[in-house]
Amino acid sequence: MAFELPKLQYSFDSLEPHIDAKTMEIHYGKHHQAYVTNLNNAIAGSDLEKSDIESICSGISKHSAAVRNNGGGHYNHSLFWSIMKPGGGGSPSGALADAINSAFGNFDEFKSKFANAGATRFGSGWAWLTVGADKKLQVSSTPNQDNPLMDVAEVKGIPVLGLDVWEHAYYLNYQNRRPDYINAWWNVLNWDEVARRFAQATK
């Protein structure tokens, strides 16, 4: 079964002014589509055609660079679109808020640590909030299209939140001002979806 581009739940312009419509159009329609197309090409005729993307990521050291790059790109972007929404932002509540306070002291400390993970990731990559094997939250970053599900990741876990810090995610609007993009991104965060993912990861 070929992988497909997931349907966006909002329009390209609905995250403005924080993420502009042109960036969304190119990022989703060109970059993510290319990862999907190239992943399908890389696994064509192999047993991986029957696998889900999480399984592919978890055993990524056994697969080719093309599967690693494009499989990661597909998983990461699919998560990224889902944890944003028009009129998002604010702060989490309930069990997720409690877990953030437990792991980082308070919400502002978490935001600072997460933003720093994204801002200091050299070159292209991602910042992550994940649930570790101990069911506790942790912040990390990965290069390129790697993610914490992968068996090659330095910090392994189940991602509940991921931020794309590749230049294609922000350059049209923010140029080299990656920290400005990160600060703006908090305003479109869909905490309900993050909380749902957290609940699933801690079951």
Protein backbone atom coordinates (compact mmCIF):
# COMPACT_ATOMS: atom_id res chain seq x y z
CA MET A 1 0.00 0.00 0.00
CA ALA A 2 1.54 3.24 -1.11
CA PHE A 3 1.98 6.04 1.41
CA GLU A 4 -0.05 9.18 0.74
CA LEU A 5 0.11 12.85 1.62
CA PRO A 6 -2.25 13.34 4.60
CA LYS A 7 -5.12 15.76 4.11
CA LEU A 8 -4.59 19.13 5.76
CA GLN A 9 -7.30 20.08 8.24
CA TYR A 10 -6.95 23.81 7.50
CA SER A 11 -6.24 26.10 4.54
CA PHE A 12 -2.78 27.30 3.57
CA ASP A 13 -3.51 30.86 4.69
CA SER A 14 -5.20 30.03 7.99
CA LEU A 15 -2.00 29.99 10.07
CA GLU A 16 -1.07 33.53 9.04
CA PRO A 17 0.58 35.78 10.10
CA HIS A 18 2.67 33.24 12.01
CA ILE A 19 3.21 30.88 9.07
CA ASP A 20 2.49 32.39 5.67
CA ALA A 21 0.36 30.79 2.97
CA LYS A 22 3.15 30.57 0.39
CA THR A 23 5.41 28.70 2.80
CA MET A 24 2.57 26.30 3.65
CA GLU A 25 1.79 25.71 -0.02
CA ILE A 26 5.40 24.89 -0.89
CA HIS A 27 6.19 23.04 2.33
CA TYR A 28 3.14 20.77 2.16
CA GLY A 29 2.58 20.46 -1.57
CA LYS A 30 6.19 20.26 -2.74
CA HIS A 31 8.49 19.20 0.11
CA HIS A 32 6.21 16.72 1.88
CA GLN A 33 4.86 15.38 -1.41
CA ALA A 34 8.43 14.72 -2.54
CA TYR A 35 9.14 12.71 0.62
CA VAL A 36 6.02 10.61 0.01
CA THR A 37 6.86 10.02 -3.66
CA ASN A 38 10.50 9.17 -2.95
CA LEU A 39 9.59 6.89 -0.03
CA ASN A 40 7.17 4.93 -2.22
CA ASN A 41 9.86 4.62 -4.88
CA ALA A 42 12.43 3.48 -2.30
CA ILE A 43 10.24 0.68 -0.89
CA ALA A 44 8.64 -0.45 -4.16
CA GLY A 45 8.67 -4.24 -4.47
CA SER A 46 9.94 -4.79 -0.91
CA ASP A 47 8.28 -6.05 2.29
CA LEU A 48 8.26 -2.46 3.54
CA GLU A 49 5.26 -1.81 1.31
CA LYS A 50 3.24 -3.71 3.94
CA SER A 51 4.69 -1.80 6.91
CA ASP A 52 3.37 1.29 8.66
CA ILE A 53 5.60 4.35 8.90
CA GLU A 54 6.22 3.91 12.63
CA SER A 55 7.56 0.38 12.09
CA ILE A 56 9.80 1.58 9.29
CA CYS A 57 11.22 4.33 11.50
CA SER A 58 11.81 2.05 14.49
CA GLY A 59 14.01 -0.25 12.41
CA ILE A 60 15.58 2.44 10.28
CA SER A 61 19.18 1.23 10.73
CA LYS A 62 18.30 -1.79 8.58
CA HIS A 63 17.11 0.33 5.66
CA SER A 64 18.65 2.48 2.95
CA ALA A 65 19.47 6.18 3.23
CA ALA A 66 16.56 6.89 0.88
CA VAL A 67 14.12 5.13 3.21
CA ARG A 68 15.62 6.89 6.24
CA ASN A 69 15.46 10.37 4.74
CA ASN A 70 12.09 10.08 3.05
CA GLY A 71 10.42 7.87 5.65
CA GLY A 72 11.49 10.30 8.33
CA GLY A 73 10.35 13.21 6.21
CA HIS A 74 6.91 11.68 5.77
CA TYR A 75 6.43 10.77 9.44
CA ASN A 76 7.78 14.07 10.75
CA HIS A 77 5.70 16.28 8.47
CA SER A 78 2.53 14.26 9.04
CA LEU A 79 2.92 14.90 12.76
CA PHE A 80 3.85 18.56 12.20
CA TRP A 81 0.67 19.41 10.27
CA SER A 82 -1.51 17.69 12.86
CA ILE A 83 -0.19 19.61 15.86
CA MET A 84 -0.98 23.03 14.37
CA LYS A 85 -4.33 24.77 13.93
CA PRO A 86 -5.75 28.24 13.24
CA GLY A 87 -6.28 30.14 16.47
CA GLY A 88 -4.04 27.77 18.40
CA GLY A 89 -1.56 28.64 21.08
CA GLY A 90 -2.14 29.15 24.76
CA SER A 91 -0.96 26.43 27.09
CA PRO A 92 -1.80 22.80 27.80
CA SER A 93 -4.02 21.62 30.65
CA GLY A 94 -4.75 18.42 32.51
CA ALA A 95 -2.36 15.46 32.51
CA LEU A 96 -0.10 16.96 29.84
CA ALA A 97 0.34 20.20 31.82
CA ASP A 98 1.10 18.18 34.95
CA ALA A 99 3.69 16.10 33.10
CA ILE A 100 5.36 19.23 31.67
CA ASN A 101 5.53 20.81 35.13
CA SER A 102 6.93 17.59 36.57
CA ALA A 103 9.61 17.24 33.89
CA PHE A 104 10.65 20.86 33.43
CA GLY A 105 9.50 22.80 36.49
CA ASN A 106 6.89 24.89 34.72
CA PHE A 107 5.52 25.65 31.26
CA ASP A 108 7.83 28.61 30.63
CA GLU A 109 10.89 26.50 31.41
CA PHE A 110 9.66 23.86 28.99
CA LYS A 111 9.11 26.48 26.25
CA SER A 112 12.58 27.86 26.81
CA LYS A 113 14.23 24.44 26.65
CA PHE A 114 12.24 23.39 23.60
CA ALA A 115 12.90 26.66 21.75
CA ASN A 116 16.60 26.34 22.51
CA ALA A 117 16.64 22.78 21.12
CA GLY A 118 15.21 24.11 17.86
CA ALA A 119 17.30 27.27 17.68
CA THR A 120 20.62 25.51 18.35
CA ARG A 121 20.09 22.52 16.05
CA PHE A 122 22.95 23.05 13.58
CA GLY A 123 21.85 22.98 9.94
CA SER A 124 18.54 21.28 9.24
CA GLY A 125 16.51 19.21 11.66
CA TRP A 126 13.75 19.03 14.23
CA ALA A 127 13.04 19.77 17.88
CA TRP A 128 10.97 17.22 19.79
CA LEU A 129 8.93 16.66 22.92
CA THR A 130 8.76 12.92 23.48
CA VAL A 131 7.57 10.38 26.01
CA GLY A 132 10.54 8.26 27.04
CA ALA A 133 10.61 4.61 28.09
CA ASP A 134 10.03 5.78 31.69
CA LYS A 135 6.81 7.55 30.52
CA LYS A 136 8.36 10.93 31.36
CA LEU A 137 8.60 13.85 28.96
CA GLN A 138 11.92 14.85 27.43
CA VAL A 139 13.12 17.47 24.95
CA SER A 140 15.62 16.66 22.23
CA SER A 141 16.52 17.46 18.63
CA THR A 142 17.49 15.40 15.61
CA PRO A 143 19.36 16.18 12.39
CA ASN A 144 17.83 16.16 8.93
CA GLN A 145 14.64 14.03 8.86
CA ASP A 146 15.57 11.74 11.73
CA ASN A 147 13.14 11.39 14.63
CA PRO A 148 13.10 9.84 18.14
CA LEU A 149 11.26 6.71 16.95
CA MET A 150 14.38 5.70 15.02
CA ASP A 151 16.74 3.15 16.50
CA VAL A 152 19.62 5.48 15.55
CA ALA A 153 18.31 8.44 17.60
CA GLU A 154 20.45 9.67 20.51
CA VAL A 155 17.30 10.31 22.57
CA LYS A 156 14.60 7.75 21.86
CA GLY A 157 10.91 8.11 22.61
CA ILE A 158 7.41 8.57 21.24
CA PRO A 159 7.01 12.05 19.73
CA VAL A 160 4.03 14.10 20.90
CA LEU A 161 5.28 17.42 19.54
CA GLY A 162 7.71 18.20 16.73
CA LEU A 163 8.98 21.45 15.23
CA ASP A 164 10.49 21.62 11.77
CA VAL A 165 13.57 23.89 11.79
CA TRP A 166 14.65 23.25 8.21
CA GLU A 167 14.98 26.57 6.38
CA HIS A 168 12.18 25.59 4.00
CA ALA A 169 9.79 25.78 6.99
CA TYR A 170 10.37 29.48 7.60
CA TYR A 171 12.80 31.18 5.22
CA LEU A 172 10.32 33.03 2.98
CA ASN A 173 8.93 34.91 5.96
CA TYR A 174 11.71 34.89 8.55
CA GLN A 175 14.91 34.53 6.49
CA ASN A 176 17.73 33.70 8.93
CA ARG A 177 15.67 34.61 12.03
CA ARG A 178 14.93 31.06 13.19
CA PRO A 179 14.21 32.15 16.80
CA ASP A 180 11.51 34.55 15.54
CA TYR A 181 9.87 31.69 13.65
CA ILE A 182 9.98 29.49 16.77
CA ASN A 183 8.42 32.25 18.89
CA ALA A 184 5.64 32.76 16.35
CA TRP A 185 4.98 29.02 16.03
CA TRP A 186 3.71 28.74 19.61
CA ASN A 187 0.68 30.77 18.44
CA VAL A 188 -0.55 28.02 16.10
CA LEU A 189 0.06 25.04 18.36
CA ASN A 190 -2.82 22.60 18.73
CA TRP A 191 -2.48 21.54 22.38
CA ASP A 192 -5.55 19.30 22.15
CA GLU A 193 -3.78 17.12 19.58
CA VAL A 194 -0.55 17.13 21.60
CA ALA A 195 -2.53 16.04 24.68
CA ARG A 196 -4.18 13.27 22.66
CA ARG A 197 -0.81 11.99 21.52
CA PHE A 198 0.53 12.22 25.07
CA ALA A 199 -2.39 10.19 26.43
CA GLN A 200 -1.84 7.54 23.75
CA ALA A 201 1.91 7.36 24.44
CA THR A 202 1.44 6.97 28.19
CA LYS A 203 -1.31 4.34 28.14
